[in-house]
Every structure is written in structure tokens, then in C-alpha cells.
Amino acid sequence: MVASNQTLNMPNQLPQERDGYCTTREAARLLGLSLGKVQQMTEAGELHAWKTSGGHRRVSIKSVEAHLRMRGDQPQREAQHEGIDVLIAEDNLDLQKLYQKNIATWALPISIRTVSNGIDGLLNIGLRPPDMLIADLLMPGVDGFEMIWRLRQNPELDNMDIIVVTGMDDGEIQKRGGLPKTVTVYQKPVPFKELRGYLQAKVAQCRRTQPGERGR
């Protein structure tokens, strides 16, 4: 698929760095704080925030991540794990369970995390980048399109595989601005056979690059 340029729906006063953003209510949930406390933090400059032309406050996700790191809520960012770490971004809870149920039967060294929207996806990846992201496109708030384009703007995440599983066809995806050409796209229903083959190849690749596996 050939990706086309995409214009993201940004607030009028969004800073030039184009990092992710969330509402103060979402920031409060992510930080485990009250809405009033987060508003105080933005006014005091402890969190990077700005207002849209409509007067709505937006908080930088990078600023939220930095506050979590400062607080010590980033326990496994540098932690070594065996096998493949997979993050699944899917707002349908039944599909989340279906992913977990099927992948658990594959006898592969895979750990799974799930999120229900793009904001939680960006935050999870910021705290601990997975080896692979499997994402839906239509999710509430920050959708899969915006999440993926933001991730591909970060060169530190170039090695993270991104797979999209969506009910949208190629034409619908292109109308929404397309996706980066490095993203693999499958249509729903979830193609578990193809995903299993992809993950088996990823596990084999990781084993070949691990020092302990070389020369065996």
C-alpha cells in the first residue's frame, strides 16, 4: 500500500513539536489524580498544556510520561523480557479477550498488554515500547490513524512492528489519509492464522539476534 500524506486534526494553538495530547480529564485518569489537581498542575507549569481556540485545555502526553517517570511509575521501561512483548490497541473488549484466548494457545513466548484507545496506547508505548503493536483504526478519542502516524514520527520506535487489523477497506483507509508504508494491514475478522505466522517469524528473528543464541 502506498501511503499518502495525512493532515491530523490538531487544535489551533497546538505547539510546533506535534507531540500527542489529551484532555485534562484523560490526564487525570492516566496519572491517578483528581481533575482539580491536574488543572492546578497545568496552571503551575508542572504539566505542559495549552488551550484551543474554543478554550479547551490540552495536555502534552510527553509531559504526562515525564511526570510518571519522575514519580517512579515507569518500572519496566528498560526491563529485559524473554520473548515478544505485544501491545494490542482495540476498543472492543470482546475482541481483546479473543486475541488473548487465541494467542495463549500458540505456545509462543509472548506477553500481551491491551489498551482501548490511542491515548492509552501512546502512553503505554512511551513507558515501555513493545516489540509489536497490533491496532484497530477506529477507536474513541485519539484513533489508530493518529496514534500510528505519531509513533512513526519517532525514530526510536523504527524497530517496533505495527500491524493494523481493521474493518475498513483500502479505499476507506486512503480517504482518511492512509497509513505509513511500513505498516502491515489486515482486514477483520481477525486473521489469527496470519498473525500467528507473523509472530512465529518475529520470535525466530529475536532468538537469532540474542547473544546467547548465536553460534548454536
N, C-alpha and C. Protein backbone atom coordinates (compact mmCIF):
# COMPACT_ATOMS: atom_id res chain seq x y z
N MET A 1 0.84 -1.18 0.00
CA MET A 1 0.00 0.00 0.00
C MET A 1 0.88 1.24 0.00
N VAL A 2 0.56 2.19 -0.82
CA VAL A 2 1.32 3.43 -0.88
C VAL A 2 0.66 4.42 0.04
N ALA A 3 1.42 4.91 1.02
CA ALA A 3 0.86 5.83 1.99
C ALA A 3 0.85 7.23 1.41
N SER A 4 -0.15 8.01 1.77
CA SER A 4 -0.21 9.40 1.35
C SER A 4 -0.05 10.28 2.57
N ASN A 5 0.21 11.58 2.34
CA ASN A 5 0.37 12.49 3.45
C ASN A 5 -0.94 12.64 4.18
N GLN A 6 -0.85 12.82 5.49
CA GLN A 6 -2.06 12.92 6.31
C GLN A 6 -2.01 14.20 7.11
N THR A 7 -3.10 14.91 7.14
CA THR A 7 -3.22 16.09 7.98
C THR A 7 -4.01 15.71 9.21
N LEU A 8 -3.37 15.81 10.38
CA LEU A 8 -4.03 15.42 11.61
C LEU A 8 -4.89 16.57 12.10
N ASN A 9 -5.98 16.22 12.79
CA ASN A 9 -6.87 17.24 13.34
C ASN A 9 -6.30 17.75 14.64
N MET A 10 -5.57 18.83 14.58
CA MET A 10 -4.91 19.40 15.74
C MET A 10 -5.66 20.65 16.20
N PRO A 11 -5.59 20.98 17.50
CA PRO A 11 -6.15 22.23 17.94
C PRO A 11 -5.37 23.39 17.34
N ASN A 12 -6.02 24.55 17.22
CA ASN A 12 -5.41 25.69 16.54
C ASN A 12 -4.15 26.17 17.21
N GLN A 13 -4.05 25.99 18.52
CA GLN A 13 -2.90 26.51 19.24
C GLN A 13 -1.94 25.39 19.64
N LEU A 14 -1.94 24.30 18.92
CA LEU A 14 -1.04 23.19 19.23
C LEU A 14 0.40 23.61 18.98
N PRO A 15 1.34 23.37 19.93
CA PRO A 15 2.72 23.73 19.74
C PRO A 15 3.33 23.03 18.54
N GLN A 16 4.44 23.56 18.08
CA GLN A 16 5.06 23.09 16.85
C GLN A 16 5.60 21.67 16.94
N GLU A 17 5.89 21.15 18.17
CA GLU A 17 6.55 19.86 18.23
C GLU A 17 5.65 18.70 17.84
N ARG A 18 4.32 18.90 17.74
CA ARG A 18 3.39 17.89 17.25
C ARG A 18 3.37 16.63 18.12
N ASP A 19 3.66 16.76 19.42
CA ASP A 19 3.57 15.55 20.24
C ASP A 19 2.12 15.27 20.56
N GLY A 20 1.84 14.08 21.14
CA GLY A 20 0.47 13.70 21.44
C GLY A 20 -0.12 14.56 22.55
N TYR A 21 -1.42 14.61 22.62
CA TYR A 21 -2.07 15.41 23.64
C TYR A 21 -3.32 14.70 24.12
N CYS A 22 -3.80 15.12 25.28
CA CYS A 22 -5.03 14.56 25.83
C CYS A 22 -5.75 15.66 26.59
N THR A 23 -6.97 15.39 27.01
CA THR A 23 -7.71 16.36 27.81
C THR A 23 -7.23 16.30 29.26
N THR A 24 -7.60 17.30 30.05
CA THR A 24 -7.21 17.27 31.46
C THR A 24 -7.87 16.10 32.18
N ARG A 25 -9.09 15.76 31.79
CA ARG A 25 -9.77 14.61 32.42
C ARG A 25 -9.02 13.32 32.12
N GLU A 26 -8.57 13.15 30.87
CA GLU A 26 -7.81 11.96 30.50
C GLU A 26 -6.46 11.94 31.21
N ALA A 27 -5.82 13.11 31.32
CA ALA A 27 -4.54 13.19 32.04
C ALA A 27 -4.73 12.81 33.51
N ALA A 28 -5.84 13.24 34.11
CA ALA A 28 -6.12 12.90 35.50
C ALA A 28 -6.26 11.39 35.67
N ARG A 29 -6.94 10.75 34.72
CA ARG A 29 -7.11 9.29 34.80
C ARG A 29 -5.78 8.58 34.65
N LEU A 30 -4.96 9.03 33.70
CA LEU A 30 -3.67 8.40 33.46
C LEU A 30 -2.73 8.57 34.64
N LEU A 31 -2.82 9.71 35.33
CA LEU A 31 -1.94 9.99 36.46
C LEU A 31 -2.50 9.51 37.79
N GLY A 32 -3.78 9.11 37.78
CA GLY A 32 -4.41 8.69 39.03
C GLY A 32 -4.63 9.84 39.99
N LEU A 33 -4.90 11.03 39.46
CA LEU A 33 -5.10 12.22 40.27
C LEU A 33 -6.49 12.80 40.01
N SER A 34 -6.91 13.71 40.86
CA SER A 34 -8.20 14.36 40.65
C SER A 34 -8.09 15.37 39.52
N LEU A 35 -9.24 15.68 38.93
CA LEU A 35 -9.27 16.66 37.85
C LEU A 35 -8.77 18.02 38.33
N GLY A 36 -9.18 18.39 39.54
CA GLY A 36 -8.74 19.67 40.09
C GLY A 36 -7.23 19.74 40.27
N LYS A 37 -6.63 18.63 40.71
CA LYS A 37 -5.18 18.61 40.92
C LYS A 37 -4.44 18.77 39.59
N VAL A 38 -4.93 18.11 38.54
CA VAL A 38 -4.28 18.23 37.23
C VAL A 38 -4.42 19.65 36.69
N GLN A 39 -5.57 20.26 36.90
CA GLN A 39 -5.76 21.65 36.48
C GLN A 39 -4.78 22.57 37.20
N GLN A 40 -4.57 22.32 38.49
CA GLN A 40 -3.60 23.10 39.25
C GLN A 40 -2.18 22.91 38.70
N MET A 41 -1.86 21.67 38.33
CA MET A 41 -0.52 21.36 37.81
C MET A 41 -0.29 22.05 36.46
N THR A 42 -1.33 22.11 35.63
CA THR A 42 -1.16 22.79 34.34
C THR A 42 -0.98 24.28 34.54
N GLU A 43 -1.74 24.86 35.48
CA GLU A 43 -1.63 26.30 35.75
C GLU A 43 -0.28 26.65 36.37
N ALA A 44 0.29 25.70 37.13
CA ALA A 44 1.59 25.93 37.75
C ALA A 44 2.76 25.61 36.82
N GLY A 45 2.45 25.07 35.65
CA GLY A 45 3.51 24.74 34.70
C GLY A 45 4.16 23.39 34.95
N GLU A 46 3.60 22.58 35.87
CA GLU A 46 4.16 21.26 36.14
C GLU A 46 3.85 20.29 35.01
N LEU A 47 2.76 20.54 34.29
CA LEU A 47 2.42 19.79 33.09
C LEU A 47 2.32 20.77 31.93
N HIS A 48 2.88 20.39 30.79
CA HIS A 48 2.84 21.24 29.60
C HIS A 48 1.44 21.20 29.00
N ALA A 49 0.77 22.33 28.95
CA ALA A 49 -0.59 22.37 28.46
C ALA A 49 -0.84 23.67 27.70
N TRP A 50 -1.88 23.68 26.92
CA TRP A 50 -2.28 24.87 26.16
C TRP A 50 -3.79 24.81 25.96
N LYS A 51 -4.35 25.89 25.45
CA LYS A 51 -5.78 25.94 25.22
C LYS A 51 -6.09 26.06 23.73
N THR A 52 -7.15 25.40 23.30
CA THR A 52 -7.59 25.52 21.92
C THR A 52 -8.31 26.86 21.74
N SER A 53 -8.63 27.18 20.51
CA SER A 53 -9.35 28.42 20.25
C SER A 53 -10.72 28.43 20.93
N GLY A 54 -11.25 27.25 21.21
CA GLY A 54 -12.53 27.16 21.90
C GLY A 54 -12.42 27.19 23.41
N GLY A 55 -11.19 27.34 23.91
CA GLY A 55 -10.97 27.44 25.35
C GLY A 55 -10.79 26.12 26.06
N HIS A 56 -10.65 25.01 25.31
CA HIS A 56 -10.45 23.70 25.94
C HIS A 56 -8.97 23.45 26.17
N ARG A 57 -8.63 22.98 27.34
CA ARG A 57 -7.23 22.74 27.67
C ARG A 57 -6.78 21.38 27.15
N ARG A 58 -5.60 21.32 26.59
CA ARG A 58 -4.98 20.09 26.12
C ARG A 58 -3.64 19.92 26.84
N VAL A 59 -3.35 18.68 27.23
CA VAL A 59 -2.14 18.37 27.99
C VAL A 59 -1.23 17.49 27.15
N SER A 60 0.04 17.80 27.11
CA SER A 60 1.01 17.01 26.35
C SER A 60 1.18 15.63 26.97
N ILE A 61 1.05 14.59 26.14
CA ILE A 61 1.26 13.23 26.64
C ILE A 61 2.71 13.03 27.08
N LYS A 62 3.63 13.66 26.36
CA LYS A 62 5.05 13.56 26.77
C LYS A 62 5.23 14.14 28.16
N SER A 63 4.50 15.21 28.47
CA SER A 63 4.57 15.80 29.79
C SER A 63 4.02 14.85 30.85
N VAL A 64 2.93 14.15 30.51
CA VAL A 64 2.37 13.15 31.43
C VAL A 64 3.38 12.03 31.65
N GLU A 65 4.00 11.55 30.58
CA GLU A 65 5.01 10.49 30.70
C GLU A 65 6.15 10.95 31.59
N ALA A 66 6.61 12.19 31.40
CA ALA A 66 7.73 12.71 32.20
C ALA A 66 7.36 12.76 33.67
N HIS A 67 6.12 13.14 33.97
CA HIS A 67 5.68 13.20 35.37
C HIS A 67 5.64 11.80 35.98
N LEU A 68 5.18 10.82 35.19
CA LEU A 68 5.16 9.44 35.68
C LEU A 68 6.57 8.94 35.96
N ARG A 69 7.50 9.27 35.06
CA ARG A 69 8.90 8.85 35.28
C ARG A 69 9.47 9.49 36.54
N MET A 70 9.19 10.76 36.71
CA MET A 70 9.68 11.48 37.89
C MET A 70 9.11 10.88 39.17
N ARG A 71 7.87 10.40 39.07
CA ARG A 71 7.19 9.80 40.21
C ARG A 71 7.64 8.37 40.47
N GLY A 72 8.34 7.80 39.50
CA GLY A 72 8.78 6.42 39.64
C GLY A 72 7.78 5.41 39.16
N ASP A 73 6.81 5.83 38.32
CA ASP A 73 5.78 4.92 37.82
C ASP A 73 6.15 4.32 36.47
N GLN A 74 7.43 4.10 36.27
CA GLN A 74 7.91 3.57 35.00
C GLN A 74 8.77 2.34 35.26
N PRO A 75 8.22 1.31 35.90
CA PRO A 75 9.03 0.23 36.44
C PRO A 75 9.73 -0.64 35.42
N GLN A 76 9.21 -0.74 34.18
CA GLN A 76 9.76 -1.77 33.30
C GLN A 76 10.22 -1.24 31.95
N ARG A 77 10.47 0.06 31.86
CA ARG A 77 10.86 0.61 30.56
C ARG A 77 12.13 -0.04 30.03
N GLU A 78 13.11 -0.21 30.92
CA GLU A 78 14.38 -0.79 30.49
C GLU A 78 14.48 -2.26 30.85
N ALA A 79 13.41 -2.83 31.41
CA ALA A 79 13.47 -4.21 31.86
C ALA A 79 13.61 -5.16 30.68
N GLN A 80 14.42 -6.18 30.86
CA GLN A 80 14.59 -7.20 29.84
C GLN A 80 13.49 -8.24 29.99
N HIS A 81 12.92 -8.67 28.90
CA HIS A 81 11.89 -9.69 28.97
C HIS A 81 12.19 -10.74 27.91
N GLU A 82 11.80 -11.96 28.20
CA GLU A 82 12.01 -13.03 27.25
C GLU A 82 10.87 -13.06 26.25
N GLY A 83 11.19 -13.37 25.03
CA GLY A 83 10.15 -13.48 24.03
C GLY A 83 9.73 -12.14 23.47
N ILE A 84 8.48 -12.08 23.01
CA ILE A 84 7.96 -10.92 22.31
C ILE A 84 6.92 -10.22 23.18
N ASP A 85 7.06 -8.91 23.29
CA ASP A 85 6.09 -8.09 24.01
C ASP A 85 5.15 -7.47 22.99
N VAL A 86 3.86 -7.76 23.10
CA VAL A 86 2.86 -7.30 22.14
C VAL A 86 1.84 -6.40 22.83
N LEU A 87 1.63 -5.22 22.25
CA LEU A 87 0.58 -4.33 22.74
C LEU A 87 -0.57 -4.36 21.74
N ILE A 88 -1.78 -4.61 22.22
CA ILE A 88 -2.97 -4.65 21.37
C ILE A 88 -3.85 -3.45 21.70
N ALA A 89 -4.09 -2.60 20.70
CA ALA A 89 -4.96 -1.44 20.86
C ALA A 89 -6.28 -1.72 20.15
N GLU A 90 -7.29 -2.02 20.93
CA GLU A 90 -8.60 -2.43 20.39
C GLU A 90 -9.67 -2.03 21.39
N ASP A 91 -10.66 -1.24 20.94
CA ASP A 91 -11.66 -0.75 21.87
C ASP A 91 -12.77 -1.76 22.15
N ASN A 92 -12.87 -2.81 21.35
CA ASN A 92 -13.87 -3.84 21.58
C ASN A 92 -13.34 -4.85 22.60
N LEU A 93 -13.95 -4.88 23.77
CA LEU A 93 -13.44 -5.75 24.85
C LEU A 93 -13.57 -7.22 24.50
N ASP A 94 -14.60 -7.59 23.74
CA ASP A 94 -14.74 -8.99 23.32
C ASP A 94 -13.58 -9.39 22.41
N LEU A 95 -13.17 -8.47 21.52
CA LEU A 95 -12.03 -8.77 20.65
C LEU A 95 -10.73 -8.83 21.44
N GLN A 96 -10.59 -7.99 22.46
CA GLN A 96 -9.41 -8.08 23.33
C GLN A 96 -9.29 -9.48 23.93
N LYS A 97 -10.42 -9.99 24.44
CA LYS A 97 -10.43 -11.32 25.04
C LYS A 97 -10.15 -12.39 23.99
N LEU A 98 -10.66 -12.19 22.77
CA LEU A 98 -10.44 -13.15 21.69
C LEU A 98 -8.97 -13.21 21.31
N TYR A 99 -8.32 -12.04 21.24
CA TYR A 99 -6.87 -12.01 20.99
C TYR A 99 -6.13 -12.80 22.07
N GLN A 100 -6.43 -12.50 23.32
CA GLN A 100 -5.72 -13.15 24.43
C GLN A 100 -5.95 -14.66 24.43
N LYS A 101 -7.19 -15.08 24.18
CA LYS A 101 -7.52 -16.51 24.19
C LYS A 101 -6.79 -17.26 23.09
N ASN A 102 -6.77 -16.70 21.88
CA ASN A 102 -6.12 -17.38 20.76
C ASN A 102 -4.60 -17.39 20.91
N ILE A 103 -4.02 -16.25 21.25
CA ILE A 103 -2.55 -16.17 21.35
C ILE A 103 -2.04 -17.08 22.46
N ALA A 104 -2.83 -17.25 23.52
CA ALA A 104 -2.41 -18.12 24.63
C ALA A 104 -2.27 -19.58 24.21
N THR A 105 -2.91 -19.98 23.12
CA THR A 105 -2.86 -21.38 22.67
C THR A 105 -1.68 -21.66 21.73
N TRP A 106 -0.91 -20.63 21.38
CA TRP A 106 0.13 -20.79 20.37
C TRP A 106 1.46 -21.30 20.91
N ALA A 107 1.58 -21.41 22.20
CA ALA A 107 2.82 -21.91 22.82
C ALA A 107 4.04 -21.13 22.35
N LEU A 108 3.87 -19.82 22.24
CA LEU A 108 4.98 -18.94 21.86
C LEU A 108 5.31 -18.03 23.05
N PRO A 109 6.57 -17.63 23.19
CA PRO A 109 6.96 -16.75 24.30
C PRO A 109 6.50 -15.32 24.04
N ILE A 110 5.22 -15.07 24.31
CA ILE A 110 4.62 -13.77 24.01
C ILE A 110 3.93 -13.24 25.26
N SER A 111 4.19 -11.99 25.60
CA SER A 111 3.44 -11.30 26.65
C SER A 111 2.54 -10.27 25.99
N ILE A 112 1.33 -10.13 26.52
CA ILE A 112 0.32 -9.29 25.88
C ILE A 112 -0.14 -8.20 26.85
N ARG A 113 -0.23 -6.99 26.32
CA ARG A 113 -0.87 -5.88 27.01
C ARG A 113 -2.00 -5.39 26.12
N THR A 114 -3.06 -4.87 26.71
CA THR A 114 -4.17 -4.36 25.91
C THR A 114 -4.54 -2.95 26.36
N VAL A 115 -4.93 -2.12 25.39
CA VAL A 115 -5.46 -0.79 25.67
C VAL A 115 -6.68 -0.60 24.77
N SER A 116 -7.51 0.39 25.12
CA SER A 116 -8.78 0.57 24.40
C SER A 116 -8.85 1.83 23.56
N ASN A 117 -7.76 2.62 23.53
CA ASN A 117 -7.76 3.84 22.73
C ASN A 117 -6.33 4.28 22.45
N GLY A 118 -6.20 5.24 21.54
CA GLY A 118 -4.88 5.68 21.13
C GLY A 118 -4.10 6.41 22.20
N ILE A 119 -4.79 7.12 23.08
CA ILE A 119 -4.09 7.83 24.15
C ILE A 119 -3.38 6.86 25.08
N ASP A 120 -4.13 5.83 25.53
CA ASP A 120 -3.50 4.81 26.39
C ASP A 120 -2.41 4.06 25.64
N GLY A 121 -2.61 3.88 24.33
CA GLY A 121 -1.56 3.24 23.53
C GLY A 121 -0.29 4.04 23.51
N LEU A 122 -0.39 5.34 23.25
CA LEU A 122 0.79 6.21 23.23
C LEU A 122 1.49 6.23 24.58
N LEU A 123 0.70 6.28 25.65
CA LEU A 123 1.30 6.33 26.98
C LEU A 123 2.01 5.02 27.30
N ASN A 124 1.37 3.88 27.02
CA ASN A 124 1.99 2.59 27.27
C ASN A 124 3.29 2.43 26.49
N ILE A 125 3.26 2.84 25.23
CA ILE A 125 4.46 2.72 24.40
C ILE A 125 5.55 3.66 24.88
N GLY A 126 5.15 4.85 25.35
CA GLY A 126 6.13 5.77 25.89
C GLY A 126 6.81 5.24 27.14
N LEU A 127 6.06 4.52 27.96
CA LEU A 127 6.63 3.96 29.19
C LEU A 127 7.42 2.68 28.93
N ARG A 128 6.92 1.84 28.04
CA ARG A 128 7.62 0.59 27.72
C ARG A 128 7.30 0.20 26.28
N PRO A 129 8.16 0.55 25.33
CA PRO A 129 7.89 0.22 23.93
C PRO A 129 7.79 -1.29 23.71
N PRO A 130 6.75 -1.77 23.06
CA PRO A 130 6.62 -3.20 22.78
C PRO A 130 7.43 -3.57 21.54
N ASP A 131 7.57 -4.86 21.31
CA ASP A 131 8.20 -5.33 20.07
C ASP A 131 7.23 -5.20 18.90
N MET A 132 5.93 -5.30 19.22
CA MET A 132 4.91 -5.26 18.17
C MET A 132 3.65 -4.59 18.69
N LEU A 133 3.06 -3.77 17.83
CA LEU A 133 1.76 -3.16 18.11
C LEU A 133 0.74 -3.71 17.12
N ILE A 134 -0.37 -4.23 17.65
CA ILE A 134 -1.50 -4.64 16.82
C ILE A 134 -2.62 -3.66 17.13
N ALA A 135 -3.09 -2.92 16.11
CA ALA A 135 -4.01 -1.82 16.39
C ALA A 135 -5.22 -1.82 15.48
N ASP A 136 -6.36 -1.47 16.06
CA ASP A 136 -7.54 -1.13 15.29
C ASP A 136 -7.37 0.32 14.84
N LEU A 137 -8.18 0.77 13.90
CA LEU A 137 -8.09 2.15 13.44
C LEU A 137 -9.17 3.04 14.04
N LEU A 138 -10.38 2.52 14.16
CA LEU A 138 -11.49 3.33 14.67
C LEU A 138 -11.64 3.10 16.17
N MET A 139 -11.10 4.04 16.94
CA MET A 139 -11.17 3.98 18.40
C MET A 139 -11.56 5.36 18.92
N PRO A 140 -12.14 5.43 20.12
CA PRO A 140 -12.55 6.74 20.65
C PRO A 140 -11.36 7.61 21.01
N GLY A 141 -11.58 8.93 20.96
CA GLY A 141 -10.51 9.87 21.29
C GLY A 141 -9.45 9.88 20.21
N VAL A 142 -8.21 9.64 20.59
CA VAL A 142 -7.12 9.51 19.61
C VAL A 142 -7.28 8.15 18.93
N ASP A 143 -7.56 8.17 17.63
CA ASP A 143 -7.81 6.91 16.93
C ASP A 143 -6.51 6.25 16.46
N GLY A 144 -6.65 5.11 15.78
CA GLY A 144 -5.47 4.37 15.34
C GLY A 144 -4.65 5.12 14.32
N PHE A 145 -5.30 5.88 13.43
CA PHE A 145 -4.56 6.66 12.44
C PHE A 145 -3.59 7.62 13.11
N GLU A 146 -4.12 8.43 14.00
CA GLU A 146 -3.30 9.45 14.66
C GLU A 146 -2.21 8.81 15.50
N MET A 147 -2.56 7.76 16.25
CA MET A 147 -1.57 7.08 17.08
C MET A 147 -0.42 6.56 16.23
N ILE A 148 -0.73 5.91 15.12
CA ILE A 148 0.31 5.29 14.29
C ILE A 148 1.20 6.34 13.64
N TRP A 149 0.60 7.42 13.10
CA TRP A 149 1.42 8.46 12.49
C TRP A 149 2.34 9.11 13.52
N ARG A 150 1.87 9.30 14.73
CA ARG A 150 2.73 9.87 15.77
C ARG A 150 3.88 8.92 16.11
N LEU A 151 3.59 7.64 16.19
CA LEU A 151 4.63 6.66 16.52
C LEU A 151 5.69 6.61 15.43
N ARG A 152 5.27 6.67 14.18
CA ARG A 152 6.23 6.59 13.07
C ARG A 152 7.03 7.88 12.90
N GLN A 153 6.66 8.94 13.60
CA GLN A 153 7.46 10.16 13.60
C GLN A 153 8.63 10.05 14.58
N ASN A 154 8.62 9.01 15.40
CA ASN A 154 9.67 8.83 16.42
C ASN A 154 10.67 7.79 15.93
N PRO A 155 11.88 8.20 15.54
CA PRO A 155 12.87 7.25 15.02
C PRO A 155 13.30 6.19 16.02
N GLU A 156 13.10 6.45 17.31
CA GLU A 156 13.48 5.47 18.33
C GLU A 156 12.58 4.24 18.28
N LEU A 157 11.45 4.35 17.58
CA LEU A 157 10.50 3.24 17.51
C LEU A 157 10.50 2.58 16.14
N ASP A 158 11.54 2.83 15.34
CA ASP A 158 11.59 2.27 13.99
C ASP A 158 11.56 0.74 13.99
N ASN A 159 12.09 0.11 15.05
CA ASN A 159 12.15 -1.35 15.09
C ASN A 159 10.86 -1.99 15.60
N MET A 160 9.91 -1.19 16.01
CA MET A 160 8.63 -1.73 16.50
C MET A 160 7.73 -2.05 15.31
N ASP A 161 7.36 -3.31 15.18
CA ASP A 161 6.44 -3.71 14.11
C ASP A 161 5.04 -3.18 14.43
N ILE A 162 4.35 -2.68 13.41
CA ILE A 162 2.98 -2.22 13.57
C ILE A 162 2.09 -2.98 12.59
N ILE A 163 1.08 -3.64 13.15
CA ILE A 163 0.09 -4.37 12.36
C ILE A 163 -1.28 -3.75 12.62
N VAL A 164 -2.00 -3.45 11.59
CA VAL A 164 -3.35 -2.93 11.71
C VAL A 164 -4.33 -4.04 11.37
N VAL A 165 -5.35 -4.22 12.21
CA VAL A 165 -6.44 -5.14 11.93
C VAL A 165 -7.72 -4.32 11.99
N THR A 166 -8.36 -4.14 10.84
CA THR A 166 -9.45 -3.18 10.74
C THR A 166 -10.60 -3.70 9.89
N GLY A 167 -11.76 -3.14 10.11
CA GLY A 167 -12.90 -3.44 9.26
C GLY A 167 -12.97 -2.52 8.05
N MET A 168 -12.04 -1.57 7.94
CA MET A 168 -12.03 -0.63 6.82
C MET A 168 -11.30 -1.25 5.63
N ASP A 169 -11.76 -0.96 4.41
CA ASP A 169 -11.04 -1.43 3.24
C ASP A 169 -10.00 -0.39 2.82
N ASP A 170 -9.19 -0.72 1.80
CA ASP A 170 -8.10 0.17 1.40
C ASP A 170 -8.61 1.55 0.98
N GLY A 171 -9.73 1.58 0.28
CA GLY A 171 -10.28 2.86 -0.15
C GLY A 171 -10.66 3.75 1.01
N GLU A 172 -11.30 3.16 2.02
CA GLU A 172 -11.69 3.93 3.20
C GLU A 172 -10.47 4.42 3.96
N ILE A 173 -9.44 3.59 4.02
CA ILE A 173 -8.21 3.99 4.71
C ILE A 173 -7.56 5.16 3.99
N GLN A 174 -7.51 5.11 2.66
CA GLN A 174 -6.91 6.20 1.89
C GLN A 174 -7.69 7.49 2.05
N LYS A 175 -9.01 7.40 2.14
CA LYS A 175 -9.83 8.60 2.34
C LYS A 175 -9.52 9.27 3.68
N ARG A 176 -9.05 8.48 4.64
CA ARG A 176 -8.70 9.03 5.96
C ARG A 176 -7.25 9.48 6.02
N GLY A 177 -6.54 9.45 4.88
CA GLY A 177 -5.16 9.92 4.85
C GLY A 177 -4.13 8.83 4.71
N GLY A 178 -4.55 7.56 4.70
CA GLY A 178 -3.61 6.46 4.52
C GLY A 178 -2.81 6.16 5.77
N LEU A 179 -1.88 5.23 5.63
CA LEU A 179 -1.00 4.81 6.72
C LEU A 179 0.44 4.76 6.22
N PRO A 180 1.40 4.84 7.13
CA PRO A 180 2.80 4.70 6.70
C PRO A 180 3.02 3.38 5.96
N LYS A 181 3.91 3.38 4.98
CA LYS A 181 4.11 2.19 4.16
C LYS A 181 4.74 1.04 4.92
N THR A 182 5.28 1.32 6.11
CA THR A 182 5.88 0.25 6.92
C THR A 182 4.86 -0.51 7.75
N VAL A 183 3.59 -0.11 7.66
CA VAL A 183 2.53 -0.75 8.45
C VAL A 183 1.89 -1.87 7.64
N THR A 184 1.75 -3.04 8.27
CA THR A 184 1.06 -4.17 7.65
C THR A 184 -0.42 -4.11 8.00
N VAL A 185 -1.29 -4.23 6.99
CA VAL A 185 -2.73 -4.09 7.21
C VAL A 185 -3.46 -5.40 6.90
N TYR A 186 -4.29 -5.85 7.84
CA TYR A 186 -5.19 -6.98 7.64
C TYR A 186 -6.62 -6.50 7.86
N GLN A 187 -7.55 -7.12 7.15
CA GLN A 187 -8.96 -6.80 7.35
C GLN A 187 -9.58 -7.76 8.39
N LYS A 188 -10.56 -7.25 9.11
CA LYS A 188 -11.31 -8.10 10.03
C LYS A 188 -12.25 -9.00 9.22
N PRO A 189 -12.63 -10.18 9.75
CA PRO A 189 -12.36 -10.68 11.10
C PRO A 189 -10.86 -10.93 11.32
N VAL A 190 -10.46 -10.93 12.58
CA VAL A 190 -9.05 -11.03 12.93
C VAL A 190 -8.43 -12.27 12.29
N PRO A 191 -7.38 -12.10 11.47
CA PRO A 191 -6.76 -13.24 10.77
C PRO A 191 -5.72 -13.92 11.67
N PHE A 192 -6.18 -14.74 12.59
CA PHE A 192 -5.27 -15.32 13.58
C PHE A 192 -4.21 -16.21 12.94
N LYS A 193 -4.53 -16.90 11.85
CA LYS A 193 -3.53 -17.73 11.18
C LYS A 193 -2.36 -16.89 10.70
N GLU A 194 -2.66 -15.77 10.05
CA GLU A 194 -1.60 -14.88 9.56
C GLU A 194 -0.83 -14.24 10.71
N LEU A 195 -1.53 -13.84 11.76
CA LEU A 195 -0.87 -13.23 12.91
C LEU A 195 0.07 -14.23 13.59
N ARG A 196 -0.37 -15.47 13.66
CA ARG A 196 0.49 -16.49 14.28
C ARG A 196 1.77 -16.67 13.47
N GLY A 197 1.66 -16.73 12.16
CA GLY A 197 2.85 -16.85 11.32
C GLY A 197 3.77 -15.66 11.48
N TYR A 198 3.20 -14.46 11.56
CA TYR A 198 3.99 -13.23 11.73
C TYR A 198 4.74 -13.28 13.05
N LEU A 199 4.04 -13.69 14.11
CA LEU A 199 4.66 -13.72 15.43
C LEU A 199 5.70 -14.83 15.53
N GLN A 200 5.45 -15.96 14.89
CA GLN A 200 6.46 -17.03 14.88
C GLN A 200 7.75 -16.54 14.23
N ALA A 201 7.62 -15.80 13.12
CA ALA A 201 8.80 -15.26 12.45
C ALA A 201 9.50 -14.22 13.32
N LYS A 202 8.72 -13.43 14.04
CA LYS A 202 9.30 -12.42 14.92
C LYS A 202 10.06 -13.07 16.07
N VAL A 203 9.49 -14.12 16.65
CA VAL A 203 10.18 -14.84 17.73
C VAL A 203 11.49 -15.43 17.22
N ALA A 204 11.46 -16.05 16.04
CA ALA A 204 12.67 -16.64 15.46
C ALA A 204 13.72 -15.56 15.20
N GLN A 205 13.30 -14.41 14.72
CA GLN A 205 14.22 -13.31 14.46
C GLN A 205 14.89 -12.84 15.75
N CYS A 206 14.10 -12.69 16.81
CA CYS A 206 14.64 -12.24 18.09
C CYS A 206 15.63 -13.25 18.66
N ARG A 207 15.32 -14.53 18.50
CA ARG A 207 16.24 -15.55 19.01
C ARG A 207 17.56 -15.53 18.27
N ARG A 208 17.52 -15.25 16.97
CA ARG A 208 18.76 -15.18 16.19
C ARG A 208 19.63 -14.01 16.60
N THR A 209 19.00 -12.93 17.07
CA THR A 209 19.76 -11.72 17.42
C THR A 209 20.19 -11.69 18.88
N GLN A 210 19.69 -12.62 19.70
CA GLN A 210 20.11 -12.67 21.09
C GLN A 210 21.49 -13.28 21.20
N PRO A 211 22.42 -12.63 21.94
CA PRO A 211 23.79 -13.13 22.02
C PRO A 211 23.89 -14.58 22.46
N GLY A 212 23.01 -14.97 23.38
CA GLY A 212 23.07 -16.33 23.88
C GLY A 212 22.67 -17.38 22.87
N GLU A 213 22.00 -16.94 21.80
CA GLU A 213 21.53 -17.88 20.79
C GLU A 213 22.49 -17.99 19.61
N ARG A 214 23.41 -17.04 19.49
CA ARG A 214 24.29 -17.03 18.35
C ARG A 214 25.29 -18.18 18.41
N GLY A 215 25.53 -18.76 17.31
CA GLY A 215 26.52 -19.82 17.22
C GLY A 215 26.02 -21.17 17.64
N ARG A 216 24.72 -21.27 18.00
CA ARG A 216 24.18 -22.58 18.40
C ARG A 216 23.79 -23.40 17.18
